[in-house]
Amino acid sequence: MFEPLFNYLENLQKITSEDKNSIAQNIEYRTVREGEILFEEGKAATEIFFVCKGVLKIASITEKGNEVIHFFFSENQFCTILKSFTENTISKDRIEAACDAEVIIFQKSKLLTLYDSLPYFEDMLDNIFQQALLNKVELRNAYLGEDATARYQKFMVRQSNIASRVSQTDIASYLGIAKQSLSRIKKNTL
């Protein structure tokens, strides 16, 4: 059940079976249903999620009550509200399952214990998070300055693994396109 995580990590660094056992004792595996909230806004993040299967989304609600999706996370990606997690601050964002998913959960307190016993593990995760932040910025920048049709076309190329698994409402929100406009764009690009 923890194999996806260990396979991913071992692409970066060899991990002994003893260390794998230590990690496994400090993490939790969970299946979540589409729409299930893994982290609620208005709290400080205390968990990091590793996506084994499915898609998670980071979203917030505008003052007008509209949902805005900021990012999607799929297989072999870590997901948390990093600023809230590292600085123990209240987040305005939430983490939700965008489709049925399987995740591995790192509780902050247990992760800190792992860092004490496996010092290299903290460096490994820090490097993963730094690269993930760079990737998120690069991905969001790719959509800037593009019209709705170009954003949708780029999304279909760059994030096709997500496009087929999340709702059209989520895609429209993520791309900043009205749902009706997205339907029209899809119809015109077929």
C-alpha atoms as a PDB file:
ATOM      1  CA  MET A   1       0.000   0.000   0.000  1.00  0.00           C
ATOM      2  CA  PHE A   2       2.987   2.340   0.550  1.00  0.00           C
ATOM      3  CA  GLU A   3       4.803   1.115  -2.569  1.00  0.00           C
ATOM      4  CA  PRO A   4       3.933   4.139  -4.764  1.00  0.00           C
ATOM      5  CA  LEU A   5       5.609   6.424  -2.231  1.00  0.00           C
ATOM      6  CA  PHE A   6       8.716   4.272  -1.851  1.00  0.00           C
ATOM      7  CA  ASN A   7       9.032   3.776  -5.612  1.00  0.00           C
ATOM      8  CA  TYR A   8       8.873   7.546  -6.080  1.00  0.00           C
ATOM      9  CA  LEU A   9      11.392   8.287  -3.318  1.00  0.00           C
ATOM     10  CA  GLU A  10      13.797   5.596  -4.493  1.00  0.00           C
ATOM     11  CA  ASN A  11      14.055   7.356  -7.846  1.00  0.00           C
ATOM     12  CA  LEU A  12      15.778  10.097  -5.852  1.00  0.00           C
ATOM     13  CA  GLN A  13      17.748   8.125  -3.301  1.00  0.00           C
ATOM     14  CA  LYS A  14      18.156   4.545  -2.103  1.00  0.00           C
ATOM     15  CA  ILE A  15      16.233   3.900   1.120  1.00  0.00           C
ATOM     16  CA  THR A  16      17.088   0.925   3.310  1.00  0.00           C
ATOM     17  CA  SER A  17      14.349  -1.511   4.295  1.00  0.00           C
ATOM     18  CA  GLU A  18      14.898  -0.457   7.926  1.00  0.00           C
ATOM     19  CA  ASP A  19      14.280   3.180   6.992  1.00  0.00           C
ATOM     20  CA  LYS A  20      11.224   2.174   4.948  1.00  0.00           C
ATOM     21  CA  ASN A  21       9.836   0.444   8.033  1.00  0.00           C
ATOM     22  CA  SER A  22      10.427   3.595  10.112  1.00  0.00           C
ATOM     23  CA  ILE A  23       8.652   5.708   7.502  1.00  0.00           C
ATOM     24  CA  ALA A  24       5.779   3.223   7.164  1.00  0.00           C
ATOM     25  CA  GLN A  25       5.179   3.304  10.919  1.00  0.00           C
ATOM     26  CA  ASN A  26       4.711   7.077  10.766  1.00  0.00           C
ATOM     27  CA  ILE A  27       2.386   7.450   7.769  1.00  0.00           C
ATOM     28  CA  GLU A  28      -1.212   6.571   7.010  1.00  0.00           C
ATOM     29  CA  TYR A  29      -2.894   5.328   3.835  1.00  0.00           C
ATOM     30  CA  ARG A  30      -6.413   6.530   3.028  1.00  0.00           C
ATOM     31  CA  THR A  31      -8.898   6.349   0.171  1.00  0.00           C
ATOM     32  CA  VAL A  32     -11.016   9.446  -0.374  1.00  0.00           C
ATOM     33  CA  ARG A  33     -14.121  10.052  -2.428  1.00  0.00           C
ATOM     34  CA  GLU A  34     -14.612  12.845  -4.943  1.00  0.00           C
ATOM     35  CA  GLY A  35     -15.569  16.018  -3.080  1.00  0.00           C
ATOM     36  CA  GLU A  36     -14.118  14.891   0.248  1.00  0.00           C
ATOM     37  CA  ILE A  37     -12.298  17.695   2.050  1.00  0.00           C
ATOM     38  CA  LEU A  38      -8.858  16.644   3.280  1.00  0.00           C
ATOM     39  CA  PHE A  39      -7.975  20.045   4.719  1.00  0.00           C
ATOM     40  CA  GLU A  40     -10.437  22.836   5.549  1.00  0.00           C
ATOM     41  CA  GLU A  41      -9.735  26.511   5.090  1.00  0.00           C
ATOM     42  CA  GLY A  42      -9.520  28.555   8.287  1.00  0.00           C
ATOM     43  CA  LYS A  43      -7.028  26.212   9.940  1.00  0.00           C
ATOM     44  CA  ALA A  44      -3.283  25.652   9.973  1.00  0.00           C
ATOM     45  CA  ALA A  45      -2.153  22.756   7.790  1.00  0.00           C
ATOM     46  CA  THR A  46      -0.753  19.839   9.785  1.00  0.00           C
ATOM     47  CA  GLU A  47      -0.623  17.185   7.053  1.00  0.00           C
ATOM     48  CA  ILE A  48       1.145  16.512   3.788  1.00  0.00           C
ATOM     49  CA  PHE A  49      -0.568  14.240   1.280  1.00  0.00           C
ATOM     50  CA  PHE A  50       1.212  12.052  -1.266  1.00  0.00           C
ATOM     51  CA  VAL A  51      -1.096  11.149  -4.154  1.00  0.00           C
ATOM     52  CA  CYS A  52      -0.923   7.433  -4.990  1.00  0.00           C
ATOM     53  CA  LYS A  53      -3.934   7.503  -7.286  1.00  0.00           C
ATOM     54  CA  GLY A  54      -6.412  10.182  -8.358  1.00  0.00           C
ATOM     55  CA  VAL A  55      -6.369  13.973  -8.253  1.00  0.00           C
ATOM     56  CA  LEU A  56      -6.450  16.481  -5.390  1.00  0.00           C
ATOM     57  CA  LYS A  57      -7.136  20.186  -5.779  1.00  0.00           C
ATOM     58  CA  ILE A  58      -6.249  23.283  -3.801  1.00  0.00           C
ATOM     59  CA  ALA A  59      -9.148  25.722  -3.889  1.00  0.00           C
ATOM     60  CA  SER A  60     -10.607  28.728  -2.126  1.00  0.00           C
ATOM     61  CA  ILE A  61     -13.911  30.561  -2.077  1.00  0.00           C
ATOM     62  CA  THR A  62     -14.100  34.177  -3.281  1.00  0.00           C
ATOM     63  CA  GLU A  63     -16.001  36.892  -1.422  1.00  0.00           C
ATOM     64  CA  LYS A  64     -18.829  36.338  -3.932  1.00  0.00           C
ATOM     65  CA  GLY A  65     -18.965  32.657  -2.981  1.00  0.00           C
ATOM     66  CA  ASN A  66     -17.367  31.269  -6.136  1.00  0.00           C
ATOM     67  CA  GLU A  67     -14.843  28.453  -5.952  1.00  0.00           C
ATOM     68  CA  VAL A  68     -11.430  29.165  -7.447  1.00  0.00           C
ATOM     69  CA  ILE A  69      -9.142  26.219  -8.092  1.00  0.00           C
ATOM     70  CA  HIS A  70      -5.481  27.124  -7.824  1.00  0.00           C
ATOM     71  CA  PHE A  71      -3.725  23.806  -8.464  1.00  0.00           C
ATOM     72  CA  PHE A  72      -4.279  20.139  -9.222  1.00  0.00           C
ATOM     73  CA  PHE A  73      -2.068  17.340  -7.882  1.00  0.00           C
ATOM     74  CA  SER A  74      -2.005  13.839  -9.349  1.00  0.00           C
ATOM     75  CA  GLU A  75       0.012  10.660  -8.908  1.00  0.00           C
ATOM     76  CA  ASN A  76       3.495  10.940  -7.427  1.00  0.00           C
ATOM     77  CA  GLN A  77       2.988  14.483  -6.175  1.00  0.00           C
ATOM     78  CA  PHE A  78       2.963  15.852  -2.648  1.00  0.00           C
ATOM     79  CA  CYS A  79       0.157  18.226  -1.718  1.00  0.00           C
ATOM     80  CA  THR A  80      -0.224  20.584   1.228  1.00  0.00           C
ATOM     81  CA  ILE A  81      -0.688  24.281   1.889  1.00  0.00           C
ATOM     82  CA  LEU A  82       3.062  24.712   2.293  1.00  0.00           C
ATOM     83  CA  LYS A  83       3.141  28.197   3.865  1.00  0.00           C
ATOM     84  CA  SER A  84       0.512  27.188   6.395  1.00  0.00           C
ATOM     85  CA  PHE A  85       2.279  23.885   7.094  1.00  0.00           C
ATOM     86  CA  THR A  86       5.765  25.348   7.575  1.00  0.00           C
ATOM     87  CA  GLU A  87       4.784  28.586   9.329  1.00  0.00           C
ATOM     88  CA  ASN A  88       1.781  27.265  11.283  1.00  0.00           C
ATOM     89  CA  THR A  89      -0.464  29.972   9.819  1.00  0.00           C
ATOM     90  CA  ILE A  90      -4.174  29.910   9.050  1.00  0.00           C
ATOM     91  CA  SER A  91      -4.927  29.129   5.404  1.00  0.00           C
ATOM     92  CA  LYS A  92      -7.676  30.559   3.222  1.00  0.00           C
ATOM     93  CA  ASP A  93      -7.340  27.542   0.920  1.00  0.00           C
ATOM     94  CA  ARG A  94      -8.603  24.001   1.246  1.00  0.00           C
ATOM     95  CA  ILE A  95      -7.524  20.633  -0.161  1.00  0.00           C
ATOM     96  CA  GLU A  96     -10.234  18.468  -1.697  1.00  0.00           C
ATOM     97  CA  ALA A  97     -10.410  15.274  -3.728  1.00  0.00           C
ATOM     98  CA  ALA A  98     -11.193  16.299  -7.330  1.00  0.00           C
ATOM     99  CA  CYS A  99     -12.006  12.632  -8.071  1.00  0.00           C
ATOM    100  CA  ASP A 100     -11.768   9.405  -6.078  1.00  0.00           C
ATOM    101  CA  ALA A 101      -8.217   9.155  -4.811  1.00  0.00           C
ATOM    102  CA  GLU A 102      -5.754   7.204  -2.698  1.00  0.00           C
ATOM    103  CA  VAL A 103      -3.326   9.176  -0.562  1.00  0.00           C
ATOM    104  CA  ILE A 104      -0.566   8.659   1.962  1.00  0.00           C
ATOM    105  CA  ILE A 105      -0.705  11.103   4.838  1.00  0.00           C
ATOM    106  CA  PHE A 106       2.241  12.531   6.748  1.00  0.00           C
ATOM    107  CA  GLN A 107       1.135  14.103  10.046  1.00  0.00           C
ATOM    108  CA  LYS A 108       3.418  17.016  10.937  1.00  0.00           C
ATOM    109  CA  SER A 109       4.277  15.697  14.413  1.00  0.00           C
ATOM    110  CA  LYS A 110       5.213  12.263  13.032  1.00  0.00           C
ATOM    111  CA  LEU A 111       7.140  13.843  10.162  1.00  0.00           C
ATOM    112  CA  LEU A 112       9.236  15.855  12.628  1.00  0.00           C
ATOM    113  CA  THR A 113       9.978  12.614  14.477  1.00  0.00           C
ATOM    114  CA  LEU A 114      11.088  11.033  11.189  1.00  0.00           C
ATOM    115  CA  TYR A 115      13.333  14.017  10.505  1.00  0.00           C
ATOM    116  CA  ASP A 116      15.077  13.425  13.843  1.00  0.00           C
ATOM    117  CA  SER A 117      15.692   9.743  13.163  1.00  0.00           C
ATOM    118  CA  LEU A 118      16.338  10.041   9.389  1.00  0.00           C
ATOM    119  CA  PRO A 119      18.048  13.422   8.808  1.00  0.00           C
ATOM    120  CA  TYR A 120      18.452  12.806   5.065  1.00  0.00           C
ATOM    121  CA  PHE A 121      14.672  12.458   4.761  1.00  0.00           C
ATOM    122  CA  GLU A 122      14.111  16.128   5.627  1.00  0.00           C
ATOM    123  CA  ASP A 123      16.605  17.215   2.948  1.00  0.00           C
ATOM    124  CA  MET A 124      14.959  14.874   0.439  1.00  0.00           C
ATOM    125  CA  LEU A 125      11.472  16.269   1.079  1.00  0.00           C
ATOM    126  CA  ASP A 126      12.746  19.865   1.111  1.00  0.00           C
ATOM    127  CA  ASN A 127      14.273  19.304  -2.340  1.00  0.00           C
ATOM    128  CA  ILE A 128      11.027  17.740  -3.585  1.00  0.00           C
ATOM    129  CA  PHE A 129       8.989  20.696  -2.282  1.00  0.00           C
ATOM    130  CA  GLN A 130      11.373  23.260  -3.787  1.00  0.00           C
ATOM    131  CA  GLN A 131      11.167  21.585  -7.189  1.00  0.00           C
ATOM    132  CA  ALA A 132       7.376  21.318  -6.891  1.00  0.00           C
ATOM    133  CA  LEU A 133       7.112  25.052  -6.166  1.00  0.00           C
ATOM    134  CA  LEU A 134       9.221  25.862  -9.215  1.00  0.00           C
ATOM    135  CA  ASN A 135       7.040  23.559 -11.330  1.00  0.00           C
ATOM    136  CA  LYS A 136       3.838  25.189 -10.023  1.00  0.00           C
ATOM    137  CA  VAL A 137       5.106  28.676 -10.860  1.00  0.00           C
ATOM    138  CA  GLU A 138       6.243  27.588 -14.327  1.00  0.00           C
ATOM    139  CA  LEU A 139       2.894  25.900 -15.001  1.00  0.00           C
ATOM    140  CA  ARG A 140       0.815  28.881 -13.868  1.00  0.00           C
ATOM    141  CA  ASN A 141       3.023  31.267 -15.849  1.00  0.00           C
ATOM    142  CA  ALA A 142       2.391  29.190 -18.976  1.00  0.00           C
ATOM    143  CA  TYR A 143      -1.275  30.214 -18.846  1.00  0.00           C
ATOM    144  CA  LEU A 144      -0.694  33.931 -18.186  1.00  0.00           C
ATOM    145  CA  GLY A 145      -1.498  36.310 -21.017  1.00  0.00           C
ATOM    146  CA  GLU A 146      -3.311  33.641 -23.029  1.00  0.00           C
ATOM    147  CA  ASP A 147      -6.917  33.864 -24.122  1.00  0.00           C
ATOM    148  CA  ALA A 148      -9.415  31.270 -22.901  1.00  0.00           C
ATOM    149  CA  THR A 149      -9.022  29.009 -25.934  1.00  0.00           C
ATOM    150  CA  ALA A 150      -5.228  28.994 -25.692  1.00  0.00           C
ATOM    151  CA  ARG A 151      -5.374  28.287 -21.922  1.00  0.00           C
ATOM    152  CA  TYR A 152      -7.682  25.329 -22.535  1.00  0.00           C
ATOM    153  CA  GLN A 153      -5.491  23.977 -25.335  1.00  0.00           C
ATOM    154  CA  LYS A 154      -2.362  24.274 -23.172  1.00  0.00           C
ATOM    155  CA  PHE A 155      -4.170  22.567 -20.302  1.00  0.00           C
ATOM    156  CA  MET A 156      -5.133  19.663 -22.553  1.00  0.00           C
ATOM    157  CA  VAL A 157      -1.498  19.244 -23.595  1.00  0.00           C
ATOM    158  CA  ARG A 158       0.274  19.957 -20.309  1.00  0.00           C
ATOM    159  CA  GLN A 159      -2.197  18.384 -17.892  1.00  0.00           C
ATOM    160  CA  SER A 160      -4.058  15.840 -20.010  1.00  0.00           C
ATOM    161  CA  ASN A 161      -3.721  13.248 -17.230  1.00  0.00           C
ATOM    162  CA  ILE A 162      -5.910  15.491 -15.070  1.00  0.00           C
ATOM    163  CA  ALA A 163      -8.331  16.731 -17.736  1.00  0.00           C
ATOM    164  CA  SER A 164     -10.014  13.358 -18.188  1.00  0.00           C
ATOM    165  CA  ARG A 165     -10.532  12.778 -14.443  1.00  0.00           C
ATOM    166  CA  VAL A 166     -11.909  16.024 -13.034  1.00  0.00           C
ATOM    167  CA  SER A 167     -15.189  17.817 -13.642  1.00  0.00           C
ATOM    168  CA  GLN A 168     -15.649  20.423 -16.358  1.00  0.00           C
ATOM    169  CA  THR A 169     -16.617  22.854 -13.592  1.00  0.00           C
ATOM    170  CA  ASP A 170     -13.203  22.302 -11.970  1.00  0.00           C
ATOM    171  CA  ILE A 171     -11.374  22.767 -15.275  1.00  0.00           C
ATOM    172  CA  ALA A 172     -13.287  25.995 -15.975  1.00  0.00           C
ATOM    173  CA  SER A 173     -12.498  27.345 -12.499  1.00  0.00           C
ATOM    174  CA  TYR A 174      -8.823  26.417 -12.773  1.00  0.00           C
ATOM    175  CA  LEU A 175      -8.475  28.118 -16.158  1.00  0.00           C
ATOM    176  CA  GLY A 176     -10.545  31.162 -15.165  1.00  0.00           C
ATOM    177  CA  ILE A 177     -13.159  30.451 -17.832  1.00  0.00           C
ATOM    178  CA  ALA A 178     -16.946  30.480 -17.435  1.00  0.00           C
ATOM    179  CA  LYS A 179     -18.324  26.932 -17.655  1.00  0.00           C
ATOM    180  CA  GLN A 180     -20.487  27.868 -20.660  1.00  0.00           C
ATOM    181  CA  SER A 181     -17.462  29.345 -22.427  1.00  0.00           C
ATOM    182  CA  LEU A 182     -15.496  26.180 -21.754  1.00  0.00           C
ATOM    183  CA  SER A 183     -18.262  24.103 -23.362  1.00  0.00           C
ATOM    184  CA  ARG A 184     -18.174  26.344 -26.421  1.00  0.00           C
ATOM    185  CA  ILE A 185     -14.352  26.194 -26.605  1.00  0.00           C
ATOM    186  CA  LYS A 186     -14.395  22.386 -26.350  1.00  0.00           C
ATOM    187  CA  LYS A 187     -17.039  22.157 -29.080  1.00  0.00           C
ATOM    188  CA  ASN A 188     -15.023  24.438 -31.387  1.00  0.00           C
ATOM    189  CA  THR A 189     -11.719  22.595 -30.840  1.00  0.00           C
ATOM    190  CA  LEU A 190     -13.032  19.086 -31.592  1.00  0.00           C
END
